[in-house]
Amino acid sequence: MNIKGLLGPQIMPAVRPTEKVDRTIHSDRSNDRDANGQQLYDEGRKEKPPMSEEQLQKALEHLRHLPAVREHKWTVQLATEDDKRCVLIKDNLGTLIRKIPEAELWSLPLDEPTSKGHLLKKTA
């Protein structure tokens, strides 16, 4: 049985275009985390003042005494480029492994005795 002829032609309702919203989207103006749980990288970097020499030397010593640095005989050096200080971690052949800006040194767990010595963040 064919029922197409019983109903007649069906007229589709017209699709109306969406209107432009003038207010900003909530995610554009908030400081919340991304969908994967990470915060924006530049958020905390601008607020920190430069490290003092004592703090910088303490951070360098902490990096030098990490188990991975000792085991692989890596070297930890302080470098200055364009008036910005950073830490260079090199292997025994002099190949650069990691360049850590001074702003990231603030997040080192200096007082935590159970730190595992990870040079790379797992969320990066």
PDB file of N, CA and C in Angstrom:
ATOM      1  N   MET A   1       0.829  -1.160   0.000  1.00  0.00           N
ATOM      2  CA  MET A   1       0.000   0.000   0.000  1.00  0.00           C
ATOM      3  C   MET A   1       0.887   1.240   0.000  1.00  0.00           C
ATOM      4  N   ASN A   2       0.591   2.171  -0.840  1.00  0.00           N
ATOM      5  CA  ASN A   2       1.364   3.387  -0.998  1.00  0.00           C
ATOM      6  C   ASN A   2       0.619   4.530  -0.308  1.00  0.00           C
ATOM      7  N   ILE A   3       1.206   5.076   0.740  1.00  0.00           N
ATOM      8  CA  ILE A   3       0.523   6.142   1.485  1.00  0.00           C
ATOM      9  C   ILE A   3       1.025   7.526   1.106  1.00  0.00           C
ATOM     10  N   LYS A   4       1.950   7.621   0.168  1.00  0.00           N
ATOM     11  CA  LYS A   4       2.459   8.929  -0.229  1.00  0.00           C
ATOM     12  C   LYS A   4       1.365   9.807  -0.820  1.00  0.00           C
ATOM     13  N   GLY A   5       0.472   9.236  -1.541  1.00  0.00           N
ATOM     14  CA  GLY A   5      -0.587  10.009  -2.170  1.00  0.00           C
ATOM     15  C   GLY A   5      -1.659  10.460  -1.191  1.00  0.00           C
ATOM     16  N   LEU A   6      -1.773   9.813  -0.061  1.00  0.00           N
ATOM     17  CA  LEU A   6      -2.801  10.175   0.909  1.00  0.00           C
ATOM     18  C   LEU A   6      -2.479  11.472   1.657  1.00  0.00           C
ATOM     19  N   LEU A   7      -1.199  11.701   1.929  1.00  0.00           N
ATOM     20  CA  LEU A   7      -0.820  12.867   2.727  1.00  0.00           C
ATOM     21  C   LEU A   7      -0.626  14.123   1.891  1.00  0.00           C
ATOM     22  N   GLY A   8      -0.328  14.010   0.654  1.00  0.00           N
ATOM     23  CA  GLY A   8      -0.069  15.170  -0.182  1.00  0.00           C
ATOM     24  C   GLY A   8       1.365  15.662   0.014  1.00  0.00           C
ATOM     25  N   PRO A   9       1.719  16.682  -0.718  1.00  0.00           N
ATOM     26  CA  PRO A   9       3.102  17.172  -0.589  1.00  0.00           C
ATOM     27  C   PRO A   9       3.323  17.840   0.777  1.00  0.00           C
ATOM     28  N   GLN A  10       4.412  17.497   1.378  1.00  0.00           N
ATOM     29  CA  GLN A  10       4.769  18.073   2.672  1.00  0.00           C
ATOM     30  C   GLN A  10       5.653  19.294   2.452  1.00  0.00           C
ATOM     31  N   ILE A  11       5.294  20.376   3.049  1.00  0.00           N
ATOM     32  CA  ILE A  11       6.096  21.597   2.935  1.00  0.00           C
ATOM     33  C   ILE A  11       6.986  21.680   4.173  1.00  0.00           C
ATOM     34  N   MET A  12       8.261  21.783   3.914  1.00  0.00           N
ATOM     35  CA  MET A  12       9.224  21.887   5.008  1.00  0.00           C
ATOM     36  C   MET A  12       9.150  23.287   5.609  1.00  0.00           C
ATOM     37  N   PRO A  13       9.230  23.404   6.900  1.00  0.00           N
ATOM     38  CA  PRO A  13       9.241  24.739   7.498  1.00  0.00           C
ATOM     39  C   PRO A  13      10.537  25.466   7.124  1.00  0.00           C
ATOM     40  N   ALA A  14      10.424  26.752   6.947  1.00  0.00           N
ATOM     41  CA  ALA A  14      11.591  27.544   6.551  1.00  0.00           C
ATOM     42  C   ALA A  14      12.590  27.606   7.704  1.00  0.00           C
ATOM     43  N   VAL A  15      13.844  27.480   7.361  1.00  0.00           N
ATOM     44  CA  VAL A  15      14.905  27.554   8.359  1.00  0.00           C
ATOM     45  C   VAL A  15      15.301  29.012   8.507  1.00  0.00           C
ATOM     46  N   ARG A  16      15.146  29.536   9.696  1.00  0.00           N
ATOM     47  CA  ARG A  16      15.497  30.938   9.881  1.00  0.00           C
ATOM     48  C   ARG A  16      16.968  31.038  10.279  1.00  0.00           C
ATOM     49  N   PRO A  17      17.655  32.042   9.798  1.00  0.00           N
ATOM     50  CA  PRO A  17      19.081  32.181  10.127  1.00  0.00           C
ATOM     51  C   PRO A  17      19.261  32.580  11.596  1.00  0.00           C
ATOM     52  N   THR A  18      20.380  32.190  12.130  1.00  0.00           N
ATOM     53  CA  THR A  18      20.660  32.551  13.518  1.00  0.00           C
ATOM     54  C   THR A  18      21.071  34.011  13.604  1.00  0.00           C
ATOM     55  N   GLU A  19      20.766  34.603  14.719  1.00  0.00           N
ATOM     56  CA  GLU A  19      21.088  36.010  14.902  1.00  0.00           C
ATOM     57  C   GLU A  19      22.439  36.135  15.589  1.00  0.00           C
ATOM     58  N   LYS A  20      23.135  37.206  15.286  1.00  0.00           N
ATOM     59  CA  LYS A  20      24.449  37.434  15.864  1.00  0.00           C
ATOM     60  C   LYS A  20      24.294  37.880  17.318  1.00  0.00           C
ATOM     61  N   VAL A  21      25.111  37.289  18.168  1.00  0.00           N
ATOM     62  CA  VAL A  21      25.087  37.636  19.586  1.00  0.00           C
ATOM     63  C   VAL A  21      26.170  38.679  19.821  1.00  0.00           C
ATOM     64  N   ASP A  22      25.785  39.798  20.434  1.00  0.00           N
ATOM     65  CA  ASP A  22      26.743  40.882  20.635  1.00  0.00           C
ATOM     66  C   ASP A  22      27.572  40.729  21.904  1.00  0.00           C
ATOM     67  N   ARG A  23      27.175  39.893  22.822  1.00  0.00           N
ATOM     68  CA  ARG A  23      27.956  39.750  24.044  1.00  0.00           C
ATOM     69  C   ARG A  23      29.077  38.734  23.830  1.00  0.00           C
ATOM     70  N   THR A  24      30.107  38.826  24.649  1.00  0.00           N
ATOM     71  CA  THR A  24      31.242  37.931  24.499  1.00  0.00           C
ATOM     72  C   THR A  24      30.894  36.555  25.036  1.00  0.00           C
ATOM     73  N   ILE A  25      31.550  35.595  24.509  1.00  0.00           N
ATOM     74  CA  ILE A  25      31.354  34.224  24.950  1.00  0.00           C
ATOM     75  C   ILE A  25      32.043  34.062  26.301  1.00  0.00           C
ATOM     76  N   HIS A  26      31.449  33.309  27.178  1.00  0.00           N
ATOM     77  CA  HIS A  26      31.964  33.158  28.538  1.00  0.00           C
ATOM     78  C   HIS A  26      33.388  32.599  28.549  1.00  0.00           C
ATOM     79  N   SER A  27      33.699  31.673  27.692  1.00  0.00           N
ATOM     80  CA  SER A  27      35.029  31.077  27.697  1.00  0.00           C
ATOM     81  C   SER A  27      36.097  32.043  27.211  1.00  0.00           C
ATOM     82  N   ASP A  28      35.722  33.071  26.461  1.00  0.00           N
ATOM     83  CA  ASP A  28      36.704  34.040  25.993  1.00  0.00           C
ATOM     84  C   ASP A  28      37.124  35.017  27.084  1.00  0.00           C
ATOM     85  N   ARG A  29      36.274  35.242  28.053  1.00  0.00           N
ATOM     86  CA  ARG A  29      36.592  36.240  29.065  1.00  0.00           C
ATOM     87  C   ARG A  29      36.939  35.629  30.414  1.00  0.00           C
ATOM     88  N   SER A  30      36.937  34.342  30.528  1.00  0.00           N
ATOM     89  CA  SER A  30      37.203  33.721  31.823  1.00  0.00           C
ATOM     90  C   SER A  30      38.644  33.236  31.899  1.00  0.00           C
ATOM     91  N   ASN A  31      39.075  33.023  33.107  1.00  0.00           N
ATOM     92  CA  ASN A  31      40.412  32.494  33.344  1.00  0.00           C
ATOM     93  C   ASN A  31      40.348  31.026  33.719  1.00  0.00           C
ATOM     94  N   ASP A  32      39.301  30.371  33.300  1.00  0.00           N
ATOM     95  CA  ASP A  32      39.135  28.963  33.638  1.00  0.00           C
ATOM     96  C   ASP A  32      40.111  28.107  32.843  1.00  0.00           C
ATOM     97  N   ARG A  33      40.094  26.847  33.154  1.00  0.00           N
ATOM     98  CA  ARG A  33      40.970  25.901  32.470  1.00  0.00           C
ATOM     99  C   ARG A  33      40.386  25.500  31.124  1.00  0.00           C
ATOM    100  N   ASP A  34      41.254  24.952  30.286  1.00  0.00           N
ATOM    101  CA  ASP A  34      40.805  24.421  29.011  1.00  0.00           C
ATOM    102  C   ASP A  34      40.016  23.137  29.257  1.00  0.00           C
ATOM    103  N   ALA A  35      39.513  22.571  28.189  1.00  0.00           N
ATOM    104  CA  ALA A  35      38.733  21.340  28.304  1.00  0.00           C
ATOM    105  C   ALA A  35      39.582  20.181  28.802  1.00  0.00           C
ATOM    106  N   ASN A  36      40.871  20.211  28.520  1.00  0.00           N
ATOM    107  CA  ASN A  36      41.738  19.133  28.972  1.00  0.00           C
ATOM    108  C   ASN A  36      42.310  19.391  30.367  1.00  0.00           C
ATOM    109  N   GLY A  37      41.887  20.451  31.037  1.00  0.00           N
ATOM    110  CA  GLY A  37      42.305  20.698  32.410  1.00  0.00           C
ATOM    111  C   GLY A  37      43.503  21.602  32.557  1.00  0.00           C
ATOM    112  N   GLN A  38      44.101  22.048  31.480  1.00  0.00           N
ATOM    113  CA  GLN A  38      45.277  22.903  31.565  1.00  0.00           C
ATOM    114  C   GLN A  38      44.872  24.366  31.561  1.00  0.00           C
ATOM    115  N   GLN A  39      45.663  25.158  32.247  1.00  0.00           N
ATOM    116  CA  GLN A  39      45.463  26.591  32.184  1.00  0.00           C
ATOM    117  C   GLN A  39      46.334  27.140  31.070  1.00  0.00           C
ATOM    118  N   LEU A  40      46.031  28.346  30.660  1.00  0.00           N
ATOM    119  CA  LEU A  40      46.842  28.960  29.621  1.00  0.00           C
ATOM    120  C   LEU A  40      48.267  29.129  30.110  1.00  0.00           C
ATOM    121  N   TYR A  41      49.238  28.993  29.226  1.00  0.00           N
ATOM    122  CA  TYR A  41      50.644  28.979  29.603  1.00  0.00           C
ATOM    123  C   TYR A  41      51.123  30.336  30.105  1.00  0.00           C
ATOM    124  N   ASP A  42      50.664  31.416  29.533  1.00  0.00           N
ATOM    125  CA  ASP A  42      51.175  32.733  29.869  1.00  0.00           C
ATOM    126  C   ASP A  42      50.492  33.365  31.076  1.00  0.00           C
ATOM    127  N   GLU A  43      49.561  32.686  31.700  1.00  0.00           N
ATOM    128  CA  GLU A  43      48.795  33.316  32.777  1.00  0.00           C
ATOM    129  C   GLU A  43      49.682  33.712  33.949  1.00  0.00           C
ATOM    130  N   GLY A  44      50.478  32.799  34.472  1.00  0.00           N
ATOM    131  CA  GLY A  44      51.244  33.089  35.673  1.00  0.00           C
ATOM    132  C   GLY A  44      52.610  33.673  35.422  1.00  0.00           C
ATOM    133  N   ARG A  45      53.047  33.711  34.208  1.00  0.00           N
ATOM    134  CA  ARG A  45      54.403  34.145  33.914  1.00  0.00           C
ATOM    135  C   ARG A  45      54.605  35.640  34.116  1.00  0.00           C
ATOM    136  N   LYS A  46      53.615  36.454  33.854  1.00  0.00           N
ATOM    137  CA  LYS A  46      53.796  37.892  33.881  1.00  0.00           C
ATOM    138  C   LYS A  46      53.772  38.457  35.293  1.00  0.00           C
ATOM    139  N   GLU A  47      53.250  37.717  36.252  1.00  0.00           N
ATOM    140  CA  GLU A  47      53.094  38.231  37.595  1.00  0.00           C
ATOM    141  C   GLU A  47      54.352  38.072  38.436  1.00  0.00           C
ATOM    142  N   LYS A  48      55.221  37.162  38.114  1.00  0.00           N
ATOM    143  CA  LYS A  48      56.380  36.868  38.939  1.00  0.00           C
ATOM    144  C   LYS A  48      57.510  37.856  38.670  1.00  0.00           C
ATOM    145  N   PRO A  49      58.122  38.363  39.730  1.00  0.00           N
ATOM    146  CA  PRO A  49      59.303  39.214  39.550  1.00  0.00           C
ATOM    147  C   PRO A  49      60.509  38.339  39.232  1.00  0.00           C
ATOM    148  N   PRO A  50      61.595  38.928  38.771  1.00  0.00           N
ATOM    149  CA  PRO A  50      62.791  38.118  38.522  1.00  0.00           C
ATOM    150  C   PRO A  50      63.313  37.516  39.826  1.00  0.00           C
ATOM    151  N   MET A  51      63.925  36.364  39.721  1.00  0.00           N
ATOM    152  CA  MET A  51      64.461  35.689  40.902  1.00  0.00           C
ATOM    153  C   MET A  51      65.710  36.407  41.389  1.00  0.00           C
ATOM    154  N   SER A  52      65.905  36.380  42.687  1.00  0.00           N
ATOM    155  CA  SER A  52      67.146  36.924  43.231  1.00  0.00           C
ATOM    156  C   SER A  52      68.268  35.919  42.956  1.00  0.00           C
ATOM    157  N   GLU A  53      69.498  36.362  43.158  1.00  0.00           N
ATOM    158  CA  GLU A  53      70.639  35.468  42.906  1.00  0.00           C
ATOM    159  C   GLU A  53      70.596  34.255  43.835  1.00  0.00           C
ATOM    160  N   GLU A  54      70.194  34.483  45.070  1.00  0.00           N
ATOM    161  CA  GLU A  54      70.128  33.382  46.031  1.00  0.00           C
ATOM    162  C   GLU A  54      69.070  32.355  45.623  1.00  0.00           C
ATOM    163  N   GLN A  55      67.912  32.818  45.199  1.00  0.00           N
ATOM    164  CA  GLN A  55      66.853  31.909  44.762  1.00  0.00           C
ATOM    165  C   GLN A  55      67.270  31.156  43.507  1.00  0.00           C
ATOM    166  N   LEU A  56      67.941  31.855  42.608  1.00  0.00           N
ATOM    167  CA  LEU A  56      68.380  31.227  41.364  1.00  0.00           C
ATOM    168  C   LEU A  56      69.426  30.152  41.640  1.00  0.00           C
ATOM    169  N   GLN A  57      70.371  30.439  42.530  1.00  0.00           N
ATOM    170  CA  GLN A  57      71.391  29.443  42.866  1.00  0.00           C
ATOM    171  C   GLN A  57      70.767  28.236  43.573  1.00  0.00           C
ATOM    172  N   LYS A  58      69.755  28.483  44.395  1.00  0.00           N
ATOM    173  CA  LYS A  58      69.068  27.381  45.069  1.00  0.00           C
ATOM    174  C   LYS A  58      68.340  26.501  44.052  1.00  0.00           C
ATOM    175  N   ALA A  59      67.723  27.119  43.056  1.00  0.00           N
ATOM    176  CA  ALA A  59      67.038  26.357  42.013  1.00  0.00           C
ATOM    177  C   ALA A  59      68.038  25.559  41.173  1.00  0.00           C
ATOM    178  N   LEU A  60      69.194  26.161  40.873  1.00  0.00           N
ATOM    179  CA  LEU A  60      70.223  25.449  40.108  1.00  0.00           C
ATOM    180  C   LEU A  60      70.745  24.246  40.891  1.00  0.00           C
ATOM    181  N   GLU A  61      70.984  24.424  42.186  1.00  0.00           N
ATOM    182  CA  GLU A  61      71.459  23.313  43.005  1.00  0.00           C
ATOM    183  C   GLU A  61      70.406  22.208  43.090  1.00  0.00           C
ATOM    184  N   HIS A  62      69.149  22.603  43.173  1.00  0.00           N
ATOM    185  CA  HIS A  62      68.075  21.606  43.199  1.00  0.00           C
ATOM    186  C   HIS A  62      68.068  20.794  41.904  1.00  0.00           C
ATOM    187  N   LEU A  63      68.232  21.470  40.774  1.00  0.00           N
ATOM    188  CA  LEU A  63      68.257  20.760  39.491  1.00  0.00           C
ATOM    189  C   LEU A  63      69.484  19.864  39.382  1.00  0.00           C
ATOM    190  N   ARG A  64      70.614  20.324  39.883  1.00  0.00           N
ATOM    191  CA  ARG A  64      71.845  19.520  39.799  1.00  0.00           C
ATOM    192  C   ARG A  64      71.761  18.254  40.642  1.00  0.00           C
ATOM    193  N   HIS A  65      70.985  18.275  41.714  1.00  0.00           N
ATOM    194  CA  HIS A  65      70.902  17.127  42.607  1.00  0.00           C
ATOM    195  C   HIS A  65      69.731  16.201  42.295  1.00  0.00           C
ATOM    196  N   LEU A  66      69.031  16.442  41.204  1.00  0.00           N
ATOM    197  CA  LEU A  66      67.959  15.527  40.819  1.00  0.00           C
ATOM    198  C   LEU A  66      68.552  14.188  40.391  1.00  0.00           C
ATOM    199  N   PRO A  67      67.876  13.079  40.699  1.00  0.00           N
ATOM    200  CA  PRO A  67      68.421  11.758  40.360  1.00  0.00           C
ATOM    201  C   PRO A  67      68.678  11.563  38.865  1.00  0.00           C
ATOM    202  N   ALA A  68      67.810  12.074  38.018  1.00  0.00           N
ATOM    203  CA  ALA A  68      67.995  11.888  36.570  1.00  0.00           C
ATOM    204  C   ALA A  68      69.219  12.644  36.072  1.00  0.00           C
ATOM    205  N   VAL A  69      69.459  13.827  36.612  1.00  0.00           N
ATOM    206  CA  VAL A  69      70.612  14.629  36.191  1.00  0.00           C
ATOM    207  C   VAL A  69      71.903  13.949  36.624  1.00  0.00           C
ATOM    208  N   ARG A  70      71.921  13.417  37.832  1.00  0.00           N
ATOM    209  CA  ARG A  70      73.121  12.716  38.313  1.00  0.00           C
ATOM    210  C   ARG A  70      73.362  11.419  37.542  1.00  0.00           C
ATOM    211  N   GLU A  71      72.307  10.662  37.324  1.00  0.00           N
ATOM    212  CA  GLU A  71      72.443   9.349  36.683  1.00  0.00           C
ATOM    213  C   GLU A  71      72.975   9.461  35.259  1.00  0.00           C
ATOM    214  N   HIS A  72      72.477  10.438  34.516  1.00  0.00           N
ATOM    215  CA  HIS A  72      72.884  10.585  33.120  1.00  0.00           C
ATOM    216  C   HIS A  72      74.071  11.519  32.941  1.00  0.00           C
ATOM    217  N   LYS A  73      74.580  12.073  34.052  1.00  0.00           N
ATOM    218  CA  LYS A  73      75.732  12.986  34.031  1.00  0.00           C
ATOM    219  C   LYS A  73      75.462  14.202  33.154  1.00  0.00           C
ATOM    220  N   TRP A  74      74.270  14.781  33.336  1.00  0.00           N
ATOM    221  CA  TRP A  74      73.912  15.991  32.616  1.00  0.00           C
ATOM    222  C   TRP A  74      74.493  17.198  33.338  1.00  0.00           C
ATOM    223  N   THR A  75      74.655  18.290  32.611  1.00  0.00           N
ATOM    224  CA  THR A  75      75.141  19.531  33.209  1.00  0.00           C
ATOM    225  C   THR A  75      74.017  20.560  33.221  1.00  0.00           C
ATOM    226  N   VAL A  76      73.995  21.352  34.272  1.00  0.00           N
ATOM    227  CA  VAL A  76      73.000  22.412  34.443  1.00  0.00           C
ATOM    228  C   VAL A  76      73.753  23.729  34.416  1.00  0.00           C
ATOM    229  N   GLN A  77      73.424  24.592  33.453  1.00  0.00           N
ATOM    230  CA  GLN A  77      74.130  25.859  33.283  1.00  0.00           C
ATOM    231  C   GLN A  77      73.138  27.007  33.268  1.00  0.00           C
ATOM    232  N   LEU A  78      73.601  28.148  33.749  1.00  0.00           N
ATOM    233  CA  LEU A  78      72.807  29.367  33.700  1.00  0.00           C
ATOM    234  C   LEU A  78      73.219  30.148  32.462  1.00  0.00           C
ATOM    235  N   ALA A  79      72.252  30.604  31.690  1.00  0.00           N
ATOM    236  CA  ALA A  79      72.529  31.374  30.475  1.00  0.00           C
ATOM    237  C   ALA A  79      71.684  32.638  30.491  1.00  0.00           C
ATOM    238  N   THR A  80      72.203  33.692  29.863  1.00  0.00           N
ATOM    239  CA  THR A  80      71.481  34.956  29.749  1.00  0.00           C
ATOM    240  C   THR A  80      71.377  35.309  28.278  1.00  0.00           C
ATOM    241  N   GLU A  81      70.152  35.481  27.811  1.00  0.00           N
ATOM    242  CA  GLU A  81      69.908  35.859  26.420  1.00  0.00           C
ATOM    243  C   GLU A  81      68.950  37.038  26.404  1.00  0.00           C
ATOM    244  N   ASP A  82      69.358  38.142  25.836  1.00  0.00           N
ATOM    245  CA  ASP A  82      68.526  39.349  25.735  1.00  0.00           C
ATOM    246  C   ASP A  82      68.002  39.782  27.103  1.00  0.00           C
ATOM    247  N   ASP A  83      68.873  39.814  28.097  1.00  0.00           N
ATOM    248  CA  ASP A  83      68.540  40.211  29.472  1.00  0.00           C
ATOM    249  C   ASP A  83      67.515  39.297  30.124  1.00  0.00           C
ATOM    250  N   LYS A  84      67.376  38.087  29.625  1.00  0.00           N
ATOM    251  CA  LYS A  84      66.487  37.094  30.229  1.00  0.00           C
ATOM    252  C   LYS A  84      67.329  35.887  30.613  1.00  0.00           C
ATOM    253  N   ARG A  85      67.180  35.463  31.860  1.00  0.00           N
ATOM    254  CA  ARG A  85      67.958  34.326  32.336  1.00  0.00           C
ATOM    255  C   ARG A  85      67.185  33.035  32.110  1.00  0.00           C
ATOM    256  N   CYS A  86      67.929  31.990  31.792  1.00  0.00           N
ATOM    257  CA  CYS A  86      67.330  30.669  31.623  1.00  0.00           C
ATOM    258  C   CYS A  86      68.355  29.622  32.032  1.00  0.00           C
ATOM    259  N   VAL A  87      67.888  28.427  32.264  1.00  0.00           N
ATOM    260  CA  VAL A  87      68.739  27.313  32.654  1.00  0.00           C
ATOM    261  C   VAL A  87      68.812  26.346  31.486  1.00  0.00           C
ATOM    262  N   LEU A  88      70.027  25.965  31.130  1.00  0.00           N
ATOM    263  CA  LEU A  88      70.246  25.003  30.050  1.00  0.00           C
ATOM    264  C   LEU A  88      70.650  23.672  30.662  1.00  0.00           C
ATOM    265  N   ILE A  89      69.996  22.623  30.264  1.00  0.00           N
ATOM    266  CA  ILE A  89      70.356  21.277  30.700  1.00  0.00           C
ATOM    267  C   ILE A  89      70.906  20.554  29.486  1.00  0.00           C
ATOM    268  N   LYS A  90      72.170  20.140  29.598  1.00  0.00           N
ATOM    269  CA  LYS A  90      72.864  19.499  28.480  1.00  0.00           C
ATOM    270  C   LYS A  90      73.331  18.118  28.895  1.00  0.00           C
ATOM    271  N   ASP A  91      73.441  17.230  27.899  1.00  0.00           N
ATOM    272  CA  ASP A  91      73.952  15.900  28.189  1.00  0.00           C
ATOM    273  C   ASP A  91      75.474  15.932  28.196  1.00  0.00           C
ATOM    274  N   ASN A  92      76.101  14.757  28.362  1.00  0.00           N
ATOM    275  CA  ASN A  92      77.557  14.720  28.475  1.00  0.00           C
ATOM    276  C   ASN A  92      78.267  15.059  27.165  1.00  0.00           C
ATOM    277  N   LEU A  93      77.557  15.050  26.036  1.00  0.00           N
ATOM    278  CA  LEU A  93      78.153  15.431  24.756  1.00  0.00           C
ATOM    279  C   LEU A  93      77.940  16.908  24.444  1.00  0.00           C
ATOM    280  N   GLY A  94      77.201  17.610  25.278  1.00  0.00           N
ATOM    281  CA  GLY A  94      76.949  19.027  25.063  1.00  0.00           C
ATOM    282  C   GLY A  94      75.686  19.327  24.280  1.00  0.00           C
ATOM    283  N   THR A  95      74.881  18.314  24.016  1.00  0.00           N
ATOM    284  CA  THR A  95      73.619  18.516  23.297  1.00  0.00           C
ATOM    285  C   THR A  95      72.577  19.073  24.262  1.00  0.00           C
ATOM    286  N   LEU A  96      71.877  20.094  23.825  1.00  0.00           N
ATOM    287  CA  LEU A  96      70.865  20.724  24.661  1.00  0.00           C
ATOM    288  C   LEU A  96      69.662  19.798  24.812  1.00  0.00           C
ATOM    289  N   ILE A  97      69.299  19.510  26.047  1.00  0.00           N
ATOM    290  CA  ILE A  97      68.150  18.659  26.330  1.00  0.00           C
ATOM    291  C   ILE A  97      66.924  19.502  26.633  1.00  0.00           C
ATOM    292  N   ARG A  98      67.093  20.498  27.488  1.00  0.00           N
ATOM    293  CA  ARG A  98      65.956  21.323  27.904  1.00  0.00           C
ATOM    294  C   ARG A  98      66.436  22.719  28.225  1.00  0.00           C
ATOM    295  N   LYS A  99      65.659  23.694  27.826  1.00  0.00           N
ATOM    296  CA  LYS A  99      65.912  25.097  28.147  1.00  0.00           C
ATOM    297  C   LYS A  99      64.749  25.567  29.011  1.00  0.00           C
ATOM    298  N   ILE A 100      65.043  25.924  30.250  1.00  0.00           N
ATOM    299  CA  ILE A 100      64.005  26.297  31.207  1.00  0.00           C
ATOM    300  C   ILE A 100      64.095  27.795  31.462  1.00  0.00           C
ATOM    301  N   PRO A 101      63.071  28.565  31.098  1.00  0.00           N
ATOM    302  CA  PRO A 101      63.094  30.003  31.390  1.00  0.00           C
ATOM    303  C   PRO A 101      62.982  30.254  32.894  1.00  0.00           C
ATOM    304  N   GLU A 102      63.400  31.439  33.294  1.00  0.00           N
ATOM    305  CA  GLU A 102      63.408  31.788  34.714  1.00  0.00           C
ATOM    306  C   GLU A 102      62.007  31.739  35.317  1.00  0.00           C
ATOM    307  N   ALA A 103      61.006  32.073  34.545  1.00  0.00           N
ATOM    308  CA  ALA A 103      59.637  32.070  35.060  1.00  0.00           C
ATOM    309  C   ALA A 103      59.181  30.668  35.451  1.00  0.00           C
ATOM    310  N   GLU A 104      59.691  29.640  34.784  1.00  0.00           N
ATOM    311  CA  GLU A 104      59.314  28.270  35.130  1.00  0.00           C
ATOM    312  C   GLU A 104      60.046  27.766  36.363  1.00  0.00           C
ATOM    313  N   LEU A 105      61.148  28.411  36.724  1.00  0.00           N
ATOM    314  CA  LEU A 105      61.891  27.975  37.900  1.00  0.00           C
ATOM    315  C   LEU A 105      61.123  28.253  39.187  1.00  0.00           C
ATOM    316  N   TRP A 106      60.181  29.195  39.151  1.00  0.00           N
ATOM    317  CA  TRP A 106      59.366  29.479  40.330  1.00  0.00           C
ATOM    318  C   TRP A 106      58.531  28.265  40.717  1.00  0.00           C
ATOM    319  N   SER A 107      58.174  27.432  39.758  1.00  0.00           N
ATOM    320  CA  SER A 107      57.291  26.302  40.048  1.00  0.00           C
ATOM    321  C   SER A 107      58.045  25.047  40.476  1.00  0.00           C
ATOM    322  N   LEU A 108      59.367  25.133  40.640  1.00  0.00           N
ATOM    323  CA  LEU A 108      60.123  23.966  41.094  1.00  0.00           C
ATOM    324  C   LEU A 108      59.741  23.632  42.531  1.00  0.00           C
ATOM    325  N   PRO A 109      59.541  22.372  42.835  1.00  0.00           N
ATOM    326  CA  PRO A 109      59.207  21.992  44.216  1.00  0.00           C
ATOM    327  C   PRO A 109      60.470  21.914  45.067  1.00  0.00           C
ATOM    328  N   LEU A 110      61.000  23.062  45.496  1.00  0.00           N
ATOM    329  CA  LEU A 110      62.275  23.096  46.205  1.00  0.00           C
ATOM    330  C   LEU A 110      62.185  22.488  47.603  1.00  0.00           C
ATOM    331  N   ASP A 111      61.080  22.640  48.272  1.00  0.00           N
ATOM    332  CA  ASP A 111      60.964  22.165  49.645  1.00  0.00           C
ATOM    333  C   ASP A 111      60.389  20.765  49.750  1.00  0.00           C
ATOM    334  N   GLU A 112      59.990  20.195  48.653  1.00  0.00           N
ATOM    335  CA  GLU A 112      59.327  18.894  48.674  1.00  0.00           C
ATOM    336  C   GLU A 112      60.375  17.779  48.587  1.00  0.00           C
ATOM    337  N   PRO A 113      60.567  16.994  49.655  1.00  0.00           N
ATOM    338  CA  PRO A 113      61.595  15.950  49.623  1.00  0.00           C
ATOM    339  C   PRO A 113      61.210  14.743  48.782  1.00  0.00           C
ATOM    340  N   THR A 114      59.924  14.582  48.478  1.00  0.00           N
ATOM    341  CA  THR A 114      59.489  13.406  47.723  1.00  0.00           C
ATOM    342  C   THR A 114      59.369  13.683  46.238  1.00  0.00           C
ATOM    343  N   SER A 115      59.942  14.779  45.766  1.00  0.00           N
ATOM    344  CA  SER A 115      59.821  15.078  44.337  1.00  0.00           C
ATOM    345  C   SER A 115      60.574  14.029  43.535  1.00  0.00           C
ATOM    346  N   LYS A 116      60.024  13.667  42.419  1.00  0.00           N
ATOM    347  CA  LYS A 116      60.578  12.590  41.603  1.00  0.00           C
ATOM    348  C   LYS A 116      61.641  13.070  40.630  1.00  0.00           C
ATOM    349  N   GLY A 117      61.768  14.377  40.441  1.00  0.00           N
ATOM    350  CA  GLY A 117      62.810  14.878  39.559  1.00  0.00           C
ATOM    351  C   GLY A 117      62.434  14.903  38.107  1.00  0.00           C
ATOM    352  N   HIS A 118      61.173  15.081  37.800  1.00  0.00           N
ATOM    353  CA  HIS A 118      60.748  15.147  36.409  1.00  0.00           C
ATOM    354  C   HIS A 118      61.111  16.502  35.834  1.00  0.00           C
ATOM    355  N   LEU A 119      61.800  16.503  34.708  1.00  0.00           N
ATOM    356  CA  LEU A 119      62.136  17.759  34.049  1.00  0.00           C
ATOM    357  C   LEU A 119      61.030  18.204  33.122  1.00  0.00           C
ATOM    358  N   LEU A 120      60.250  17.268  32.649  1.00  0.00           N
ATOM    359  CA  LEU A 120      59.152  17.591  31.745  1.00  0.00           C
ATOM    360  C   LEU A 120      57.841  17.383  32.473  1.00  0.00           C
ATOM    361  N   LYS A 121      56.930  18.311  32.276  1.00  0.00           N
ATOM    362  CA  LYS A 121      55.622  18.174  32.903  1.00  0.00           C
ATOM    363  C   LYS A 121      54.824  17.113  32.160  1.00  0.00           C
ATOM    364  N   LYS A 122      54.090  16.316  32.884  1.00  0.00           N
ATOM    365  CA  LYS A 122      53.302  15.265  32.243  1.00  0.00           C
ATOM    366  C   LYS A 122      52.149  15.834  31.441  1.00  0.00           C
ATOM    367  N   THR A 123      51.679  17.033  31.789  1.00  0.00           N
ATOM    368  CA  THR A 123      50.546  17.617  31.081  1.00  0.00           C
ATOM    369  C   THR A 123      50.964  18.372  29.842  1.00  0.00           C
ATOM    370  N   ALA A 124      52.249  18.564  29.635  1.00  0.00           N
ATOM    371  CA  ALA A 124      52.707  19.333  28.475  1.00  0.00           C
ATOM    372  C   ALA A 124      52.671  18.494  27.232  1.00  0.00           C
TER     373      ALA A 124
END
